Amino acid sequence: MLLAQIQVIAAEGPNGKFIPSDAKEMYWAIAAFAVIFFFFVKKGVPLIREALDKGQAAAVADATAAEAAIAESRAKIADATAELGDADAQLAQIMADSQEAAQQLRVDSANRTQQLVNDMWAKAQADVESMKTQASADIQAEVASQAMGAAEQVVRASLDDAGQSTLVDNYIARLGASS
């Protein structure tokens, strides 16, 4: 029964498809809508506009910051590329210097080795000449010693005691005179 009363209160008269049956309802609805619309325009629209402006300002600030970051990144990339270009040039220069130093080291090493070989060859030649001279002197001394020994044997065999005594005395006298 209560439900039936609610339906009766809600629908006091037959309604049309778009317009209610009582025109007063329509006027009150328009007035209520106008009041709500007025407060919405006075209070809500500025808040919405402020929120949209803040969002737009934030978007502009973000876009500006992004553009600045992109420009900074491009500058860093350009600097890094320039440094890498310089690094490639420095690498090429270092490689060229290293190869030149290695070649000079090879040449110096070959020259030192050749000089060492030449010095050893000259020393060997000098040693051979020294050995030849020494061997010749040793042979001459040995031959002289052998010849003296042979001469002494011959003299002993051919001299008697008196002749030998005279020969020794003459030798001693010559030694005394020469000193």
Protein backbone atom coordinates (compact mmCIF):
# COMPACT_ATOMS: atom_id res chain seq x y z
CA MET A 1 0.00 0.00 0.00
CA LEU A 2 2.80 2.37 0.74
CA LEU A 3 4.25 1.57 -2.63
CA ALA A 4 1.00 2.49 -4.28
CA GLN A 5 0.93 5.86 -2.50
CA ILE A 6 4.50 6.62 -3.63
CA GLN A 7 3.56 5.93 -7.20
CA VAL A 8 0.53 8.18 -6.91
CA ILE A 9 2.61 11.04 -5.46
CA ALA A 10 5.31 10.67 -8.09
CA ALA A 11 2.89 10.67 -10.94
CA GLU A 12 0.11 13.13 -10.23
CA GLY A 13 -0.86 13.37 -13.79
CA PRO A 14 -0.18 11.84 -17.13
CA ASN A 15 3.17 12.83 -18.57
CA GLY A 16 3.97 13.40 -22.20
CA LYS A 17 6.91 11.92 -23.96
CA PHE A 18 9.22 14.93 -23.36
CA ILE A 19 7.23 17.47 -21.34
CA PRO A 20 5.58 16.81 -17.96
CA SER A 21 1.82 17.22 -17.66
CA ASP A 22 2.06 20.14 -15.29
CA ALA A 23 3.93 23.21 -16.59
CA LYS A 24 4.81 24.29 -13.05
CA GLU A 25 6.98 21.22 -12.68
CA MET A 26 8.82 22.26 -15.77
CA TYR A 27 9.31 25.82 -14.47
CA TRP A 28 10.58 24.60 -11.12
CA ALA A 29 12.91 22.14 -12.83
CA ILE A 30 14.25 24.90 -15.10
CA ALA A 31 14.70 27.22 -12.08
CA ALA A 32 16.53 24.52 -10.12
CA PHE A 33 18.68 23.77 -13.13
CA ALA A 34 19.42 27.50 -13.58
CA VAL A 35 20.49 27.87 -9.94
CA ILE A 36 22.70 24.81 -10.11
CA PHE A 37 24.05 25.94 -13.48
CA PHE A 38 24.72 29.45 -12.09
CA PHE A 39 26.71 28.10 -9.12
CA PHE A 40 28.48 25.66 -11.39
CA VAL A 41 29.52 28.49 -13.73
CA LYS A 42 30.51 30.80 -10.84
CA LYS A 43 32.34 28.25 -8.71
CA GLY A 44 33.04 25.15 -10.78
CA VAL A 45 34.20 26.63 -14.08
CA PRO A 46 37.02 28.70 -12.50
CA LEU A 47 38.20 25.62 -10.63
CA ILE A 48 38.10 23.57 -13.82
CA ARG A 49 39.81 26.38 -15.75
CA GLU A 50 42.49 26.67 -13.03
CA ALA A 51 43.05 22.92 -13.07
CA LEU A 52 43.29 22.91 -16.86
CA ASP A 53 45.69 25.90 -16.78
CA LYS A 54 47.85 24.17 -14.17
CA GLY A 55 47.86 21.01 -16.26
CA GLN A 56 48.72 22.98 -19.38
CA ALA A 57 51.49 24.90 -17.53
CA ALA A 58 52.86 21.62 -16.18
CA ALA A 59 52.75 20.11 -19.66
CA VAL A 60 54.52 23.17 -21.11
CA ALA A 61 57.11 23.05 -18.31
CA ASP A 62 57.62 19.33 -18.89
CA ALA A 63 57.94 19.88 -22.64
CA THR A 64 60.41 22.74 -22.07
CA ALA A 65 62.42 20.61 -19.64
CA ALA A 66 62.34 17.72 -22.10
CA GLU A 67 63.56 19.98 -24.90
CA ALA A 68 66.34 21.31 -22.65
CA ALA A 69 67.29 17.74 -21.70
CA ILE A 70 67.29 16.73 -25.37
CA ALA A 71 69.48 19.73 -26.25
CA GLU A 72 71.82 18.92 -23.36
CA SER A 73 71.97 15.27 -24.41
CA ARG A 74 72.72 16.27 -27.99
CA ALA A 75 75.50 18.56 -26.75
CA LYS A 76 76.93 15.73 -24.64
CA ILE A 77 76.70 13.37 -27.61
CA ALA A 78 78.49 15.95 -29.77
CA ASP A 79 81.21 16.36 -27.12
CA ALA A 80 81.59 12.60 -26.74
CA THR A 81 81.72 12.19 -30.51
CA ALA A 82 84.37 14.90 -30.74
CA GLU A 83 86.36 13.23 -27.96
CA LEU A 84 86.02 9.87 -29.67
CA GLY A 85 87.15 11.46 -32.91
CA ASP A 86 90.14 12.86 -31.06
CA ALA A 87 90.66 9.48 -29.40
CA ASP A 88 90.70 7.78 -32.80
CA ALA A 89 93.23 10.32 -34.06
CA GLN A 90 95.31 9.89 -30.90
CA LEU A 91 95.12 6.11 -31.26
CA ALA A 92 96.32 6.35 -34.84
CA GLN A 93 99.15 8.69 -33.77
CA ILE A 94 100.16 6.39 -30.90
CA MET A 95 100.13 3.37 -33.22
CA ALA A 96 102.27 5.22 -35.78
CA ASP A 97 104.70 6.37 -33.07
CA SER A 98 104.89 2.84 -31.66
CA GLN A 99 105.59 1.34 -35.05
CA GLU A 100 108.24 3.98 -35.74
CA ALA A 101 109.85 3.37 -32.33
CA ALA A 102 109.78 -0.40 -32.92
CA GLN A 103 111.40 0.03 -36.33
CA GLN A 104 114.06 2.33 -34.83
CA LEU A 105 114.64 -0.23 -32.07
CA ARG A 106 115.09 -2.97 -34.67
CA VAL A 107 117.58 -0.82 -36.60
CA ASP A 108 119.48 0.13 -33.43
CA SER A 109 119.55 -3.50 -32.29
CA ALA A 110 120.82 -4.63 -35.69
CA ASN A 111 123.50 -1.91 -35.65
CA ARG A 112 124.60 -2.85 -32.12
CA THR A 113 124.69 -6.52 -33.06
CA GLN A 114 126.72 -5.77 -36.19
CA GLN A 115 129.11 -3.56 -34.18
CA LEU A 116 129.45 -6.33 -31.57
CA VAL A 117 130.18 -8.89 -34.29
CA ASN A 118 132.73 -6.55 -35.89
CA ASP A 119 134.41 -5.92 -32.52
CA MET A 120 134.53 -9.66 -31.78
CA TRP A 121 135.95 -10.34 -35.25
CA ALA A 122 138.63 -7.68 -34.80
CA LYS A 123 139.48 -9.06 -31.34
CA ALA A 124 139.63 -12.59 -32.74
CA GLN A 125 141.93 -11.40 -35.54
CA ALA A 126 144.14 -9.60 -33.00
CA ASP A 127 144.17 -12.71 -30.79
CA VAL A 128 145.14 -14.86 -33.77
CA GLU A 129 147.95 -12.45 -34.68
CA SER A 130 149.07 -12.36 -31.04
CA MET A 131 149.02 -16.16 -30.90
CA LYS A 132 150.98 -16.34 -34.15
CA THR A 133 153.56 -13.92 -32.79
CA GLN A 134 153.72 -15.77 -29.47
CA ALA A 135 153.97 -19.15 -31.20
CA SER A 136 156.68 -17.79 -33.50
CA ALA A 137 158.58 -16.37 -30.51
CA ASP A 138 158.13 -19.65 -28.60
CA ILE A 139 159.35 -21.63 -31.59
CA GLN A 140 162.33 -19.30 -32.06
CA ALA A 141 163.19 -19.58 -28.36
CA GLU A 142 162.85 -23.35 -28.49
CA VAL A 143 164.91 -23.55 -31.68
CA ALA A 144 167.54 -21.26 -30.12
CA SER A 145 167.55 -23.39 -26.98
CA GLN A 146 167.81 -26.58 -29.02
CA ALA A 147 170.48 -25.01 -31.23
CA MET A 148 172.41 -23.91 -28.18
CA GLY A 149 172.08 -27.32 -26.65
CA ALA A 150 173.25 -28.89 -29.88
CA ALA A 151 176.08 -26.37 -30.20
CA GLU A 152 177.05 -27.06 -26.61
CA GLN A 153 177.10 -30.76 -27.32
CA VAL A 154 179.20 -30.18 -30.41
CA VAL A 155 181.56 -27.85 -28.52
CA ARG A 156 181.90 -30.31 -25.65
CA ALA A 157 182.60 -33.09 -27.99
CA SER A 158 185.21 -31.08 -29.91
CA LEU A 159 186.91 -29.23 -27.01
CA ASP A 160 189.14 -30.61 -24.44
CA ASP A 161 189.16 -29.53 -20.81
CA ALA A 162 191.72 -26.75 -21.31
CA GLY A 163 189.85 -25.26 -24.32
CA GLN A 164 186.59 -25.43 -22.47
CA SER A 165 188.11 -23.69 -19.48
CA THR A 166 189.45 -20.90 -21.73
CA LEU A 167 186.05 -20.52 -23.42
CA VAL A 168 184.24 -20.20 -20.06
CA ASP A 169 186.78 -17.65 -18.82
CA ASN A 170 186.37 -15.54 -21.97
CA TYR A 171 182.57 -15.69 -21.59
CA ILE A 172 182.75 -14.59 -17.96
CA ALA A 173 185.09 -11.76 -18.90
CA ARG A 174 182.70 -10.53 -21.61
CA LEU A 175 179.81 -10.64 -19.14
CA GLY A 176 181.80 -8.61 -16.64
CA ALA A 177 182.77 -6.07 -19.31
CA SER A 178 179.22 -5.65 -20.61
CA SER A 179 177.69 -5.03 -17.21
